[in-house]
C-alpha atoms as a PDB file:
ATOM      1  CA  UNK A   1       0.863  46.915  87.887  1.00  0.00           C
ATOM      2  CA  UNK A   2       0.692  45.255  84.191  1.00  0.00           C
ATOM      3  CA  UNK A   3       0.031  47.907  81.011  1.00  0.00           C
ATOM      4  CA  UNK A   4      -0.363  44.743  79.277  1.00  0.00           C
ATOM      5  CA  UNK A   5      -3.222  43.160  81.355  1.00  0.00           C
ATOM      6  CA  UNK A   6      -5.550  44.623  78.553  1.00  0.00           C
ATOM      7  CA  UNK A   7      -3.497  43.557  75.171  1.00  0.00           C
ATOM      8  CA  UNK A   8      -4.149  40.167  76.966  1.00  0.00           C
ATOM      9  CA  UNK A   9      -7.509  39.824  77.568  1.00  0.00           C
ATOM     10  CA  UNK A  10      -8.430  41.238  73.732  1.00  0.00           C
ATOM     11  CA  UNK A  11      -6.706  38.667  72.799  1.00  0.00           C
ATOM     12  CA  UNK A  12      -8.062  36.470  74.807  1.00  0.00           C
ATOM     13  CA  UNK A  13     -11.273  37.651  73.324  1.00  0.00           C
ATOM     14  CA  UNK A  14     -10.535  37.635  70.167  1.00  0.00           C
ATOM     15  CA  UNK A  15      -8.988  34.104  69.585  1.00  0.00           C
ATOM     16  CA  UNK A  16     -12.035  32.406  71.802  1.00  0.00           C
ATOM     17  CA  UNK A  17     -14.343  33.897  69.192  1.00  0.00           C
ATOM     18  CA  UNK A  18     -12.306  32.895  66.325  1.00  0.00           C
ATOM     19  CA  UNK A  19     -13.216  29.572  67.807  1.00  0.00           C
ATOM     20  CA  UNK A  20     -16.433  29.701  68.422  1.00  0.00           C
ATOM     21  CA  UNK A  21     -17.117  31.274  64.905  1.00  0.00           C
ATOM     22  CA  UNK A  22     -15.047  28.228  63.648  1.00  0.00           C
ATOM     23  CA  UNK A  23     -16.293  25.419  65.928  1.00  0.00           C
ATOM     24  CA  UNK A  24     -20.025  27.035  64.762  1.00  0.00           C
ATOM     25  CA  UNK A  25     -19.360  26.962  61.002  1.00  0.00           C
ATOM     26  CA  UNK A  26     -17.721  24.657  60.704  1.00  0.00           C
ATOM     27  CA  UNK A  27     -16.778  21.526  63.100  1.00  0.00           C
ATOM     28  CA  UNK A  28     -20.306  21.253  64.690  1.00  0.00           C
ATOM     29  CA  UNK A  29     -22.276  20.600  61.506  1.00  0.00           C
ATOM     30  CA  UNK A  30     -19.784  17.961  60.715  1.00  0.00           C
ATOM     31  CA  UNK A  31     -19.840  16.154  63.392  1.00  0.00           C
ATOM     32  CA  UNK A  32     -23.482  16.185  63.470  1.00  0.00           C
ATOM     33  CA  UNK A  33     -23.812  14.922  59.715  1.00  0.00           C
ATOM     34  CA  UNK A  34     -21.270  12.460  61.441  1.00  0.00           C
ATOM     35  CA  UNK A  35     -23.503  11.795  64.320  1.00  0.00           C
ATOM     36  CA  UNK A  36     -27.096  11.937  62.057  1.00  0.00           C
ATOM     37  CA  UNK A  37     -28.205  14.721  63.853  1.00  0.00           C
ATOM     38  CA  UNK A  38     -31.342  16.987  61.805  1.00  0.00           C
ATOM     39  CA  UNK A  39     -30.826  20.482  60.447  1.00  0.00           C
ATOM     40  CA  UNK A  40     -33.187  21.780  62.706  1.00  0.00           C
ATOM     41  CA  UNK A  41     -31.333  20.389  66.124  1.00  0.00           C
ATOM     42  CA  UNK A  42     -27.298  21.510  64.023  1.00  0.00           C
ATOM     43  CA  UNK A  43     -28.971  25.193  64.414  1.00  0.00           C
ATOM     44  CA  UNK A  44     -29.839  24.970  67.418  1.00  0.00           C
ATOM     45  CA  UNK A  45     -26.790  24.106  68.308  1.00  0.00           C
ATOM     46  CA  UNK A  46     -24.701  26.827  65.882  1.00  0.00           C
ATOM     47  CA  UNK A  47     -27.197  29.580  67.603  1.00  0.00           C
ATOM     48  CA  UNK A  48     -26.398  28.201  71.469  1.00  0.00           C
ATOM     49  CA  UNK A  49     -23.128  28.482  70.629  1.00  0.00           C
ATOM     50  CA  UNK A  50     -22.830  31.913  68.765  1.00  0.00           C
ATOM     51  CA  UNK A  51     -24.658  33.069  72.737  1.00  0.00           C
ATOM     52  CA  UNK A  52     -22.094  31.706  74.526  1.00  0.00           C
ATOM     53  CA  UNK A  53     -19.408  33.493  72.132  1.00  0.00           C
ATOM     54  CA  UNK A  54     -21.005  36.354  72.499  1.00  0.00           C
ATOM     55  CA  UNK A  55     -21.419  36.394  76.353  1.00  0.00           C
ATOM     56  CA  UNK A  56     -17.525  36.499  76.794  1.00  0.00           C
END
């Protein structure tokens, strides 16, 4: 058994969470503005990304 396995799992979760947060707060609104999505749809997509991040 590898004693470092829990640390790798925690680091993976942390990186995925940070990636979802970055996508939700910065990338998604920029792309939404570029393609002309409304703010309510952008907020709904942001919520979906954050729910996906919480499931990991």
